[in-house]
Amino acid sequence: MGRLIRGRLGTPQAFLGKISDVQNEMTREQDLREKASVDGLTGALNRKAAEQKINTLMQEKECKGYLLMLDIDDFKTVNDTMGHAIGDLALITLVKLLKEHFRREDIIGRLGGDEFIVFMTNTELASAVEAKGAEILDILAKSETTPHFTVSIGAAAYPAAGNDYESLYLAADNAMYASKKSGKNRIYVDNGQQKKE
């Protein structure tokens, strides 16, 4: 911060200034921004932050990917029979698993309750998404953690199944419900080739 001191004729005479280190203030501001974008329980991005990041990626001309929606099967039963603390543990366990098995550039978010999304960037093959979904389902099936739970996964291709966030979200949501209707604990992929209703 500074101020120029001028003489009677308006010519600059001196400059009075003060130098301040704002690094701590900027670090605090960045921490607050990050806390505001992260779900406090699981450490995944919250709904708004995940949507913003995905929308930003979609602005890139070459963006291709899949939006996966995951929902813990019979989560209400886990909460009702084992208690909310155990239910919270299931949510935390799932996000930890997603962070370990998806790439760093993939976006992981919690929509709320027991619903999560993952945006797999730079992915065009439905088979790669099916393989990743099968891997997650297999790890959960073999897991000995408490509580034991399964997930239903729906995935939709961008831009083939939806060319903006809202339509892609709807396609992924419909795919997840198709997964639940066909028996839960599975993945259903909409690669954009299905007939639009």
N, C-alpha and C. Protein backbone atom coordinates (compact mmCIF):
# COMPACT_ATOMS: atom_id res chain seq x y z
N MET A 1 0.85 -1.17 0.00
CA MET A 1 0.00 0.00 0.00
C MET A 1 0.89 1.23 0.00
N GLY A 2 0.48 2.25 -0.74
CA GLY A 2 1.32 3.43 -0.78
C GLY A 2 0.58 4.66 -1.27
N ARG A 3 1.23 5.80 -1.14
CA ARG A 3 0.62 7.07 -1.54
C ARG A 3 1.71 7.99 -2.04
N LEU A 4 1.43 8.64 -3.17
CA LEU A 4 2.39 9.56 -3.78
C LEU A 4 2.18 10.95 -3.18
N ILE A 5 3.28 11.57 -2.71
CA ILE A 5 3.22 12.93 -2.17
C ILE A 5 3.71 13.88 -3.25
N ARG A 6 2.87 14.88 -3.58
CA ARG A 6 3.22 15.84 -4.62
C ARG A 6 3.54 17.21 -4.01
N GLY A 7 4.39 17.92 -4.68
CA GLY A 7 4.74 19.29 -4.26
C GLY A 7 3.68 20.27 -4.69
N ARG A 8 3.95 21.59 -4.46
CA ARG A 8 2.97 22.63 -4.78
C ARG A 8 2.64 22.68 -6.26
N LEU A 9 3.57 22.40 -7.10
CA LEU A 9 3.34 22.45 -8.55
C LEU A 9 2.82 21.13 -9.11
N GLY A 10 2.57 20.18 -8.23
CA GLY A 10 2.03 18.89 -8.65
C GLY A 10 3.08 17.87 -9.04
N THR A 11 4.35 18.24 -8.87
CA THR A 11 5.40 17.27 -9.21
C THR A 11 5.58 16.29 -8.06
N PRO A 12 5.82 15.04 -8.39
CA PRO A 12 6.01 14.03 -7.33
C PRO A 12 7.22 14.38 -6.47
N GLN A 13 7.04 14.32 -5.15
CA GLN A 13 8.12 14.63 -4.21
C GLN A 13 8.62 13.37 -3.48
N ALA A 14 7.63 12.54 -3.08
CA ALA A 14 7.98 11.35 -2.31
C ALA A 14 6.87 10.32 -2.42
N PHE A 15 7.23 9.11 -2.06
CA PHE A 15 6.24 8.04 -2.04
C PHE A 15 6.28 7.42 -0.65
N LEU A 16 5.16 7.49 0.06
CA LEU A 16 5.09 6.88 1.39
C LEU A 16 4.38 5.54 1.25
N GLY A 17 4.96 4.51 1.78
CA GLY A 17 4.34 3.21 1.61
C GLY A 17 4.55 2.28 2.79
N LYS A 18 3.78 1.22 2.75
CA LYS A 18 3.87 0.20 3.80
C LYS A 18 3.77 -1.15 3.11
N ILE A 19 4.69 -2.04 3.40
CA ILE A 19 4.67 -3.38 2.82
C ILE A 19 4.17 -4.35 3.88
N SER A 20 3.16 -5.15 3.48
CA SER A 20 2.59 -6.14 4.41
C SER A 20 2.69 -7.52 3.80
N ASP A 21 2.97 -8.49 4.62
CA ASP A 21 2.98 -9.89 4.18
C ASP A 21 1.55 -10.42 4.33
N VAL A 22 0.91 -10.73 3.19
CA VAL A 22 -0.47 -11.21 3.23
C VAL A 22 -0.56 -12.73 3.00
N GLN A 23 0.57 -13.42 3.04
CA GLN A 23 0.59 -14.86 2.79
C GLN A 23 -0.33 -15.62 3.75
N ASN A 24 -0.25 -15.29 5.05
CA ASN A 24 -1.09 -15.99 6.03
C ASN A 24 -2.57 -15.75 5.76
N GLU A 25 -2.90 -14.51 5.43
CA GLU A 25 -4.29 -14.17 5.13
C GLU A 25 -4.79 -14.92 3.90
N MET A 26 -3.95 -14.99 2.87
CA MET A 26 -4.33 -15.71 1.66
C MET A 26 -4.45 -17.21 1.91
N THR A 27 -3.58 -17.77 2.73
CA THR A 27 -3.65 -19.19 3.08
C THR A 27 -4.94 -19.48 3.84
N ARG A 28 -5.29 -18.60 4.80
CA ARG A 28 -6.54 -18.76 5.55
C ARG A 28 -7.75 -18.71 4.62
N GLU A 29 -7.72 -17.77 3.67
CA GLU A 29 -8.81 -17.62 2.71
C GLU A 29 -8.94 -18.88 1.84
N GLN A 30 -7.81 -19.42 1.40
CA GLN A 30 -7.81 -20.65 0.60
C GLN A 30 -8.36 -21.82 1.41
N ASP A 31 -7.95 -21.92 2.68
CA ASP A 31 -8.45 -22.99 3.56
C ASP A 31 -9.96 -22.91 3.71
N LEU A 32 -10.47 -21.68 3.90
CA LEU A 32 -11.92 -21.49 4.04
C LEU A 32 -12.65 -21.89 2.77
N ARG A 33 -12.07 -21.52 1.61
CA ARG A 33 -12.69 -21.89 0.33
C ARG A 33 -12.75 -23.41 0.19
N GLU A 34 -11.65 -24.09 0.55
CA GLU A 34 -11.60 -25.55 0.44
C GLU A 34 -12.60 -26.20 1.40
N LYS A 35 -12.66 -25.68 2.64
CA LYS A 35 -13.61 -26.25 3.61
C LYS A 35 -15.04 -26.09 3.13
N ALA A 36 -15.33 -24.96 2.49
CA ALA A 36 -16.68 -24.71 1.99
C ALA A 36 -17.05 -25.63 0.83
N SER A 37 -16.06 -26.22 0.16
CA SER A 37 -16.36 -27.07 -1.00
C SER A 37 -16.31 -28.56 -0.67
N VAL A 38 -15.94 -28.92 0.56
CA VAL A 38 -15.76 -30.32 0.92
C VAL A 38 -16.83 -30.76 1.93
N ASP A 39 -17.36 -31.97 1.70
CA ASP A 39 -18.30 -32.56 2.64
C ASP A 39 -17.56 -32.87 3.94
N GLY A 40 -18.06 -32.34 5.05
CA GLY A 40 -17.38 -32.47 6.34
C GLY A 40 -17.22 -33.89 6.84
N LEU A 41 -18.16 -34.76 6.52
CA LEU A 41 -18.10 -36.14 7.03
C LEU A 41 -17.15 -37.01 6.22
N THR A 42 -17.26 -36.96 4.90
CA THR A 42 -16.56 -37.95 4.07
C THR A 42 -15.28 -37.43 3.42
N GLY A 43 -15.16 -36.12 3.27
CA GLY A 43 -13.99 -35.58 2.59
C GLY A 43 -14.16 -35.51 1.08
N ALA A 44 -15.30 -35.96 0.56
CA ALA A 44 -15.59 -35.81 -0.87
C ALA A 44 -16.01 -34.37 -1.11
N LEU A 45 -15.99 -33.93 -2.36
CA LEU A 45 -16.52 -32.60 -2.67
C LEU A 45 -18.02 -32.58 -2.35
N ASN A 46 -18.52 -31.44 -1.92
CA ASN A 46 -19.96 -31.36 -1.72
C ASN A 46 -20.65 -31.22 -3.07
N ARG A 47 -21.96 -31.29 -3.08
CA ARG A 47 -22.74 -31.30 -4.32
C ARG A 47 -22.41 -30.11 -5.22
N LYS A 48 -22.43 -28.91 -4.64
CA LYS A 48 -22.22 -27.68 -5.42
C LYS A 48 -20.82 -27.63 -6.02
N ALA A 49 -19.81 -27.96 -5.21
CA ALA A 49 -18.42 -27.90 -5.69
C ALA A 49 -18.18 -28.94 -6.79
N ALA A 50 -18.73 -30.15 -6.62
CA ALA A 50 -18.57 -31.20 -7.64
C ALA A 50 -19.22 -30.76 -8.95
N GLU A 51 -20.43 -30.22 -8.86
CA GLU A 51 -21.14 -29.76 -10.06
C GLU A 51 -20.34 -28.65 -10.76
N GLN A 52 -19.79 -27.71 -10.00
CA GLN A 52 -19.00 -26.63 -10.59
C GLN A 52 -17.77 -27.17 -11.32
N LYS A 53 -17.07 -28.11 -10.67
CA LYS A 53 -15.86 -28.67 -11.30
C LYS A 53 -16.20 -29.43 -12.58
N ILE A 54 -17.28 -30.19 -12.54
CA ILE A 54 -17.69 -30.96 -13.72
C ILE A 54 -18.10 -29.99 -14.84
N ASN A 55 -18.87 -28.96 -14.49
CA ASN A 55 -19.27 -27.97 -15.49
C ASN A 55 -18.06 -27.29 -16.12
N THR A 56 -17.05 -26.98 -15.31
CA THR A 56 -15.82 -26.37 -15.81
C THR A 56 -15.14 -27.29 -16.82
N LEU A 57 -15.06 -28.58 -16.48
CA LEU A 57 -14.46 -29.56 -17.41
C LEU A 57 -15.24 -29.64 -18.71
N MET A 58 -16.57 -29.56 -18.61
CA MET A 58 -17.42 -29.68 -19.79
C MET A 58 -17.23 -28.51 -20.76
N GLN A 59 -16.68 -27.42 -20.28
CA GLN A 59 -16.43 -26.26 -21.16
C GLN A 59 -15.27 -26.53 -22.12
N GLU A 60 -14.42 -27.50 -21.76
CA GLU A 60 -13.28 -27.83 -22.62
C GLU A 60 -13.78 -28.58 -23.85
N LYS A 61 -13.30 -28.15 -25.00
CA LYS A 61 -13.76 -28.69 -26.28
C LYS A 61 -13.59 -30.20 -26.40
N GLU A 62 -12.49 -30.69 -25.88
CA GLU A 62 -12.17 -32.12 -26.04
C GLU A 62 -12.72 -33.00 -24.91
N CYS A 63 -13.52 -32.43 -24.03
CA CYS A 63 -13.98 -33.18 -22.85
C CYS A 63 -14.84 -34.38 -23.25
N LYS A 64 -14.44 -35.54 -22.75
CA LYS A 64 -15.22 -36.77 -22.88
C LYS A 64 -15.11 -37.46 -21.52
N GLY A 65 -16.17 -38.12 -21.12
CA GLY A 65 -16.09 -38.80 -19.84
C GLY A 65 -17.39 -39.52 -19.51
N TYR A 66 -17.44 -40.03 -18.30
CA TYR A 66 -18.63 -40.71 -17.80
C TYR A 66 -18.95 -40.18 -16.41
N LEU A 67 -20.22 -39.91 -16.18
CA LEU A 67 -20.69 -39.55 -14.85
C LEU A 67 -21.27 -40.80 -14.21
N LEU A 68 -20.68 -41.20 -13.09
CA LEU A 68 -21.18 -42.36 -12.35
C LEU A 68 -21.95 -41.88 -11.14
N MET A 69 -23.08 -42.50 -10.89
CA MET A 69 -23.85 -42.22 -9.68
C MET A 69 -23.89 -43.49 -8.86
N LEU A 70 -23.53 -43.37 -7.59
CA LEU A 70 -23.48 -44.54 -6.71
C LEU A 70 -24.41 -44.31 -5.52
N ASP A 71 -25.13 -45.35 -5.15
CA ASP A 71 -26.07 -45.28 -4.05
C ASP A 71 -25.90 -46.55 -3.21
N ILE A 72 -25.73 -46.38 -1.90
CA ILE A 72 -25.58 -47.56 -1.03
C ILE A 72 -26.92 -48.29 -0.96
N ASP A 73 -26.89 -49.59 -1.24
CA ASP A 73 -28.11 -50.39 -1.21
C ASP A 73 -28.63 -50.54 0.22
N ASP A 74 -29.92 -50.32 0.39
CA ASP A 74 -30.60 -50.51 1.68
C ASP A 74 -29.92 -49.75 2.82
N PHE A 75 -29.50 -48.52 2.53
CA PHE A 75 -28.78 -47.72 3.53
C PHE A 75 -29.65 -47.42 4.75
N LYS A 76 -30.93 -47.23 4.53
CA LYS A 76 -31.84 -46.94 5.65
C LYS A 76 -31.83 -48.10 6.65
N THR A 77 -31.75 -49.33 6.14
CA THR A 77 -31.71 -50.50 7.01
C THR A 77 -30.44 -50.50 7.87
N VAL A 78 -29.31 -50.10 7.25
CA VAL A 78 -28.04 -50.01 8.00
C VAL A 78 -28.22 -49.02 9.14
N ASN A 79 -28.74 -47.83 8.84
CA ASN A 79 -28.95 -46.81 9.88
C ASN A 79 -29.92 -47.28 10.95
N ASP A 80 -31.04 -47.92 10.53
CA ASP A 80 -32.08 -48.33 11.48
C ASP A 80 -31.65 -49.48 12.37
N THR A 81 -30.86 -50.41 11.84
CA THR A 81 -30.50 -51.60 12.61
C THR A 81 -29.18 -51.45 13.36
N MET A 82 -28.24 -50.67 12.79
CA MET A 82 -26.91 -50.57 13.41
C MET A 82 -26.62 -49.20 14.01
N GLY A 83 -27.45 -48.23 13.66
CA GLY A 83 -27.23 -46.87 14.19
C GLY A 83 -26.55 -45.96 13.18
N HIS A 84 -26.73 -44.67 13.40
CA HIS A 84 -26.20 -43.68 12.46
C HIS A 84 -24.67 -43.61 12.45
N ALA A 85 -24.04 -43.92 13.56
CA ALA A 85 -22.57 -43.90 13.59
C ALA A 85 -22.00 -44.94 12.63
N ILE A 86 -22.64 -46.12 12.58
CA ILE A 86 -22.21 -47.17 11.66
C ILE A 86 -22.56 -46.77 10.23
N GLY A 87 -23.71 -46.13 10.05
CA GLY A 87 -24.08 -45.62 8.72
C GLY A 87 -23.05 -44.61 8.23
N ASP A 88 -22.62 -43.71 9.12
CA ASP A 88 -21.58 -42.73 8.76
C ASP A 88 -20.29 -43.42 8.37
N LEU A 89 -19.97 -44.49 9.07
CA LEU A 89 -18.75 -45.26 8.77
C LEU A 89 -18.82 -45.85 7.36
N ALA A 90 -20.01 -46.30 6.95
CA ALA A 90 -20.18 -46.83 5.59
C ALA A 90 -19.91 -45.73 4.56
N LEU A 91 -20.41 -44.53 4.81
CA LEU A 91 -20.21 -43.40 3.88
C LEU A 91 -18.73 -43.06 3.77
N ILE A 92 -18.06 -43.01 4.91
CA ILE A 92 -16.63 -42.68 4.95
C ILE A 92 -15.82 -43.77 4.22
N THR A 93 -16.18 -45.03 4.47
CA THR A 93 -15.49 -46.16 3.84
C THR A 93 -15.64 -46.11 2.32
N LEU A 94 -16.84 -45.78 1.85
CA LEU A 94 -17.07 -45.74 0.41
C LEU A 94 -16.22 -44.64 -0.24
N VAL A 95 -16.17 -43.46 0.34
CA VAL A 95 -15.38 -42.37 -0.25
C VAL A 95 -13.91 -42.71 -0.24
N LYS A 96 -13.43 -43.33 0.83
CA LYS A 96 -12.02 -43.75 0.90
C LYS A 96 -11.72 -44.73 -0.24
N LEU A 97 -12.62 -45.66 -0.47
CA LEU A 97 -12.47 -46.64 -1.55
C LEU A 97 -12.46 -45.94 -2.92
N LEU A 98 -13.36 -45.00 -3.11
CA LEU A 98 -13.43 -44.28 -4.39
C LEU A 98 -12.15 -43.49 -4.63
N LYS A 99 -11.65 -42.83 -3.59
CA LYS A 99 -10.41 -42.04 -3.74
C LYS A 99 -9.21 -42.94 -4.05
N GLU A 100 -9.20 -44.15 -3.50
CA GLU A 100 -8.09 -45.07 -3.73
C GLU A 100 -8.13 -45.70 -5.13
N HIS A 101 -9.32 -45.86 -5.70
CA HIS A 101 -9.44 -46.63 -6.93
C HIS A 101 -9.81 -45.83 -8.17
N PHE A 102 -10.06 -44.55 -8.01
CA PHE A 102 -10.22 -43.69 -9.18
C PHE A 102 -8.98 -42.82 -9.30
N ARG A 103 -8.79 -42.24 -10.46
CA ARG A 103 -7.60 -41.42 -10.71
C ARG A 103 -7.72 -40.07 -9.99
N ARG A 104 -6.58 -39.47 -9.77
CA ARG A 104 -6.52 -38.17 -9.09
C ARG A 104 -7.36 -37.11 -9.82
N GLU A 105 -7.38 -37.17 -11.16
CA GLU A 105 -8.11 -36.15 -11.93
C GLU A 105 -9.62 -36.40 -11.99
N ASP A 106 -10.08 -37.58 -11.57
CA ASP A 106 -11.51 -37.85 -11.53
C ASP A 106 -12.14 -37.08 -10.36
N ILE A 107 -13.36 -36.62 -10.56
CA ILE A 107 -14.03 -35.79 -9.56
C ILE A 107 -14.98 -36.66 -8.74
N ILE A 108 -14.80 -36.65 -7.42
CA ILE A 108 -15.63 -37.45 -6.51
C ILE A 108 -16.42 -36.50 -5.63
N GLY A 109 -17.74 -36.66 -5.65
CA GLY A 109 -18.59 -35.76 -4.85
C GLY A 109 -19.69 -36.51 -4.13
N ARG A 110 -20.13 -35.92 -3.03
CA ARG A 110 -21.28 -36.46 -2.29
C ARG A 110 -22.48 -35.58 -2.59
N LEU A 111 -23.53 -36.20 -3.12
CA LEU A 111 -24.74 -35.46 -3.45
C LEU A 111 -25.57 -35.18 -2.22
N GLY A 112 -25.43 -36.03 -1.22
CA GLY A 112 -26.23 -35.95 0.01
C GLY A 112 -26.66 -37.35 0.38
N GLY A 113 -26.99 -37.55 1.65
CA GLY A 113 -27.41 -38.88 2.10
C GLY A 113 -26.37 -39.91 1.73
N ASP A 114 -26.80 -40.95 1.04
CA ASP A 114 -25.89 -42.04 0.65
C ASP A 114 -25.67 -42.06 -0.86
N GLU A 115 -25.83 -40.90 -1.51
CA GLU A 115 -25.61 -40.82 -2.96
C GLU A 115 -24.33 -40.05 -3.27
N PHE A 116 -23.55 -40.63 -4.19
CA PHE A 116 -22.27 -40.06 -4.58
C PHE A 116 -22.16 -40.02 -6.10
N ILE A 117 -21.31 -39.12 -6.60
CA ILE A 117 -21.02 -39.10 -8.03
C ILE A 117 -19.52 -39.14 -8.24
N VAL A 118 -19.14 -39.70 -9.38
CA VAL A 118 -17.75 -39.67 -9.83
C VAL A 118 -17.79 -39.29 -11.30
N PHE A 119 -17.00 -38.29 -11.67
CA PHE A 119 -16.87 -37.98 -13.10
C PHE A 119 -15.53 -38.50 -13.55
N MET A 120 -15.57 -39.55 -14.39
CA MET A 120 -14.35 -40.13 -14.95
C MET A 120 -13.99 -39.33 -16.20
N THR A 121 -12.93 -38.56 -16.10
CA THR A 121 -12.52 -37.72 -17.22
C THR A 121 -11.73 -38.53 -18.25
N ASN A 122 -11.63 -38.00 -19.46
CA ASN A 122 -10.83 -38.62 -20.53
C ASN A 122 -11.13 -40.11 -20.69
N THR A 123 -12.39 -40.45 -20.64
CA THR A 123 -12.81 -41.85 -20.75
C THR A 123 -13.90 -41.94 -21.81
N GLU A 124 -13.67 -42.71 -22.84
CA GLU A 124 -14.66 -42.85 -23.91
C GLU A 124 -15.27 -44.24 -23.98
N LEU A 125 -14.59 -45.23 -23.40
CA LEU A 125 -15.04 -46.61 -23.55
C LEU A 125 -15.96 -47.04 -22.40
N ALA A 126 -17.16 -47.51 -22.78
CA ALA A 126 -18.10 -48.03 -21.79
C ALA A 126 -17.48 -49.21 -21.06
N SER A 127 -16.67 -49.99 -21.76
CA SER A 127 -16.05 -51.17 -21.15
C SER A 127 -15.11 -50.78 -20.01
N ALA A 128 -14.43 -49.63 -20.14
CA ALA A 128 -13.52 -49.17 -19.07
C ALA A 128 -14.33 -48.77 -17.83
N VAL A 129 -15.49 -48.16 -18.06
CA VAL A 129 -16.36 -47.76 -16.94
C VAL A 129 -16.97 -48.99 -16.28
N GLU A 130 -17.40 -49.95 -17.10
CA GLU A 130 -17.96 -51.19 -16.55
C GLU A 130 -16.91 -51.93 -15.72
N ALA A 131 -15.67 -51.95 -16.20
CA ALA A 131 -14.59 -52.62 -15.48
C ALA A 131 -14.31 -51.92 -14.14
N LYS A 132 -14.31 -50.59 -14.15
CA LYS A 132 -14.07 -49.84 -12.90
C LYS A 132 -15.21 -50.07 -11.92
N GLY A 133 -16.44 -50.05 -12.41
CA GLY A 133 -17.60 -50.33 -11.56
C GLY A 133 -17.54 -51.73 -10.97
N ALA A 134 -17.19 -52.72 -11.81
CA ALA A 134 -17.07 -54.11 -11.36
C ALA A 134 -15.98 -54.24 -10.30
N GLU A 135 -14.89 -53.48 -10.48
CA GLU A 135 -13.79 -53.50 -9.50
C GLU A 135 -14.28 -53.00 -8.13
N ILE A 136 -15.02 -51.91 -8.12
CA ILE A 136 -15.56 -51.35 -6.87
C ILE A 136 -16.51 -52.35 -6.22
N LEU A 137 -17.41 -52.93 -7.02
CA LEU A 137 -18.37 -53.92 -6.49
C LEU A 137 -17.64 -55.13 -5.92
N ASP A 138 -16.59 -55.58 -6.59
CA ASP A 138 -15.82 -56.75 -6.14
C ASP A 138 -15.09 -56.46 -4.82
N ILE A 139 -14.50 -55.29 -4.73
CA ILE A 139 -13.79 -54.92 -3.49
C ILE A 139 -14.77 -54.88 -2.32
N LEU A 140 -15.95 -54.28 -2.55
CA LEU A 140 -16.96 -54.22 -1.48
C LEU A 140 -17.45 -55.62 -1.10
N ALA A 141 -17.61 -56.50 -2.10
CA ALA A 141 -18.08 -57.86 -1.83
C ALA A 141 -17.08 -58.64 -0.98
N LYS A 142 -15.78 -58.40 -1.20
CA LYS A 142 -14.74 -59.12 -0.45
C LYS A 142 -14.36 -58.43 0.86
N SER A 143 -14.87 -57.22 1.06
CA SER A 143 -14.51 -56.44 2.24
C SER A 143 -15.02 -57.09 3.52
N GLU A 144 -14.20 -57.02 4.55
CA GLU A 144 -14.60 -57.56 5.85
C GLU A 144 -14.86 -56.44 6.85
N THR A 145 -15.00 -55.22 6.34
CA THR A 145 -15.24 -54.09 7.23
C THR A 145 -16.69 -54.09 7.70
N THR A 146 -16.92 -53.44 8.83
CA THR A 146 -18.27 -53.27 9.34
C THR A 146 -18.66 -51.82 9.10
N PRO A 147 -19.83 -51.57 8.56
CA PRO A 147 -20.82 -52.56 8.12
C PRO A 147 -20.49 -53.07 6.72
N HIS A 148 -20.97 -54.25 6.43
CA HIS A 148 -20.82 -54.78 5.08
C HIS A 148 -21.98 -54.20 4.26
N PHE A 149 -21.67 -53.64 3.10
CA PHE A 149 -22.72 -53.04 2.28
C PHE A 149 -22.37 -53.20 0.80
N THR A 150 -23.38 -53.01 -0.03
CA THR A 150 -23.19 -53.04 -1.47
C THR A 150 -23.67 -51.70 -2.04
N VAL A 151 -23.33 -51.45 -3.31
CA VAL A 151 -23.80 -50.23 -3.96
C VAL A 151 -24.39 -50.57 -5.32
N SER A 152 -25.27 -49.71 -5.76
CA SER A 152 -25.78 -49.77 -7.12
C SER A 152 -25.15 -48.60 -7.86
N ILE A 153 -24.69 -48.85 -9.08
CA ILE A 153 -23.98 -47.82 -9.84
C ILE A 153 -24.66 -47.62 -11.20
N GLY A 154 -24.87 -46.37 -11.53
CA GLY A 154 -25.34 -46.01 -12.86
C GLY A 154 -24.31 -45.09 -13.48
N ALA A 155 -24.07 -45.22 -14.77
CA ALA A 155 -23.08 -44.36 -15.44
C ALA A 155 -23.66 -43.88 -16.76
N ALA A 156 -23.32 -42.64 -17.12
CA ALA A 156 -23.80 -42.06 -18.37
C ALA A 156 -22.65 -41.35 -19.07
N ALA A 157 -22.59 -41.53 -20.40
CA ALA A 157 -21.50 -40.98 -21.21
C ALA A 157 -21.73 -39.50 -21.51
N TYR A 158 -20.64 -38.73 -21.39
CA TYR A 158 -20.66 -37.34 -21.82
C TYR A 158 -19.82 -37.20 -23.08
N PRO A 159 -20.34 -36.62 -24.13
CA PRO A 159 -21.62 -35.93 -24.26
C PRO A 159 -22.74 -36.80 -24.86
N ALA A 160 -22.47 -38.08 -25.14
CA ALA A 160 -23.44 -38.91 -25.87
C ALA A 160 -24.78 -39.09 -25.13
N ALA A 161 -24.76 -39.29 -23.81
CA ALA A 161 -25.99 -39.53 -23.06
C ALA A 161 -26.58 -38.24 -22.48
N GLY A 162 -25.79 -37.20 -22.46
CA GLY A 162 -26.23 -35.90 -21.96
C GLY A 162 -25.15 -34.88 -22.27
N ASN A 163 -25.52 -33.78 -22.94
CA ASN A 163 -24.48 -32.83 -23.35
C ASN A 163 -24.38 -31.60 -22.45
N ASP A 164 -25.07 -31.63 -21.30
CA ASP A 164 -24.87 -30.62 -20.25
C ASP A 164 -25.03 -31.33 -18.91
N TYR A 165 -24.70 -30.65 -17.84
CA TYR A 165 -24.68 -31.31 -16.54
C TYR A 165 -26.05 -31.89 -16.18
N GLU A 166 -27.10 -31.09 -16.38
CA GLU A 166 -28.45 -31.54 -15.97
C GLU A 166 -28.88 -32.80 -16.70
N SER A 167 -28.70 -32.82 -18.02
CA SER A 167 -29.13 -34.00 -18.78
C SER A 167 -28.25 -35.20 -18.49
N LEU A 168 -26.96 -34.97 -18.26
CA LEU A 168 -26.05 -36.07 -17.93
C LEU A 168 -26.37 -36.65 -16.56
N TYR A 169 -26.66 -35.76 -15.60
CA TYR A 169 -27.05 -36.17 -14.25
C TYR A 169 -28.31 -37.03 -14.31
N LEU A 170 -29.29 -36.60 -15.09
CA LEU A 170 -30.54 -37.34 -15.22
C LEU A 170 -30.29 -38.72 -15.84
N ALA A 171 -29.43 -38.77 -16.86
CA ALA A 171 -29.11 -40.06 -17.50
C ALA A 171 -28.41 -41.00 -16.52
N ALA A 172 -27.47 -40.46 -15.72
CA ALA A 172 -26.76 -41.28 -14.73
C ALA A 172 -27.71 -41.76 -13.64
N ASP A 173 -28.62 -40.88 -13.23
CA ASP A 173 -29.62 -41.23 -12.22
C ASP A 173 -30.53 -42.34 -12.73
N ASN A 174 -30.99 -42.22 -13.98
CA ASN A 174 -31.83 -43.27 -14.58
C ASN A 174 -31.07 -44.59 -14.69
N ALA A 175 -29.78 -44.51 -15.02
CA ALA A 175 -28.95 -45.72 -15.11
C ALA A 175 -28.81 -46.38 -13.74
N MET A 176 -28.66 -45.55 -12.70
CA MET A 176 -28.54 -46.11 -11.35
C MET A 176 -29.84 -46.82 -10.95
N TYR A 177 -30.98 -46.22 -11.28
CA TYR A 177 -32.25 -46.87 -10.94
C TYR A 177 -32.46 -48.14 -11.75
N ALA A 178 -31.95 -48.17 -12.98
CA ALA A 178 -32.00 -49.41 -13.78
C ALA A 178 -31.17 -50.49 -13.09
N SER A 179 -30.04 -50.09 -12.51
CA SER A 179 -29.18 -51.02 -11.77
C SER A 179 -29.92 -51.55 -10.54
N LYS A 180 -30.61 -50.66 -9.82
CA LYS A 180 -31.35 -51.08 -8.62
C LYS A 180 -32.51 -52.02 -8.99
N LYS A 181 -33.23 -51.67 -10.06
CA LYS A 181 -34.38 -52.48 -10.48
C LYS A 181 -33.97 -53.87 -10.93
N SER A 182 -32.75 -54.00 -11.45
CA SER A 182 -32.33 -55.32 -11.94
C SER A 182 -31.60 -56.13 -10.87
N GLY A 183 -31.74 -55.74 -9.61
CA GLY A 183 -31.24 -56.57 -8.53
C GLY A 183 -30.24 -55.94 -7.58
N LYS A 184 -29.86 -54.68 -7.78
CA LYS A 184 -28.90 -53.98 -6.93
C LYS A 184 -27.51 -54.61 -7.04
N ASN A 185 -26.53 -53.98 -6.39
CA ASN A 185 -25.16 -54.49 -6.35
C ASN A 185 -24.63 -54.78 -7.76
N ARG A 186 -24.85 -53.81 -8.66
CA ARG A 186 -24.38 -53.96 -10.03
C ARG A 186 -24.20 -52.59 -10.67
N ILE A 187 -23.65 -52.58 -11.88
CA ILE A 187 -23.48 -51.33 -12.62
C ILE A 187 -24.27 -51.41 -13.91
N TYR A 188 -24.90 -50.29 -14.26
CA TYR A 188 -25.60 -50.17 -15.53
C TYR A 188 -25.02 -48.94 -16.22
N VAL A 189 -24.61 -49.09 -17.49
CA VAL A 189 -23.97 -48.00 -18.22
C VAL A 189 -24.82 -47.55 -19.40
N ASP A 190 -25.11 -46.25 -19.45
CA ASP A 190 -25.79 -45.65 -20.60
C ASP A 190 -24.71 -44.97 -21.44
N ASN A 191 -24.35 -45.60 -22.56
CA ASN A 191 -23.29 -45.04 -23.40
C ASN A 191 -23.81 -44.07 -24.45
N GLY A 192 -25.11 -43.72 -24.32
CA GLY A 192 -25.72 -42.77 -25.24
C GLY A 192 -26.29 -43.41 -26.48
N GLN A 193 -26.22 -44.73 -26.59
CA GLN A 193 -26.73 -45.44 -27.77
C GLN A 193 -28.17 -45.90 -27.56
N GLN A 194 -28.62 -45.90 -26.27
CA GLN A 194 -29.97 -46.35 -25.99
C GLN A 194 -30.98 -45.37 -26.57
N LYS A 195 -32.16 -45.88 -26.84
CA LYS A 195 -33.23 -45.03 -27.35
C LYS A 195 -33.63 -44.03 -26.28
N LYS A 196 -33.70 -42.77 -26.65
CA LYS A 196 -34.14 -41.74 -25.70
C LYS A 196 -35.66 -41.80 -25.59
N GLU A 197 -36.16 -41.80 -24.35
CA GLU A 197 -37.61 -41.85 -24.16
C GLU A 197 -38.15 -40.45 -24.08
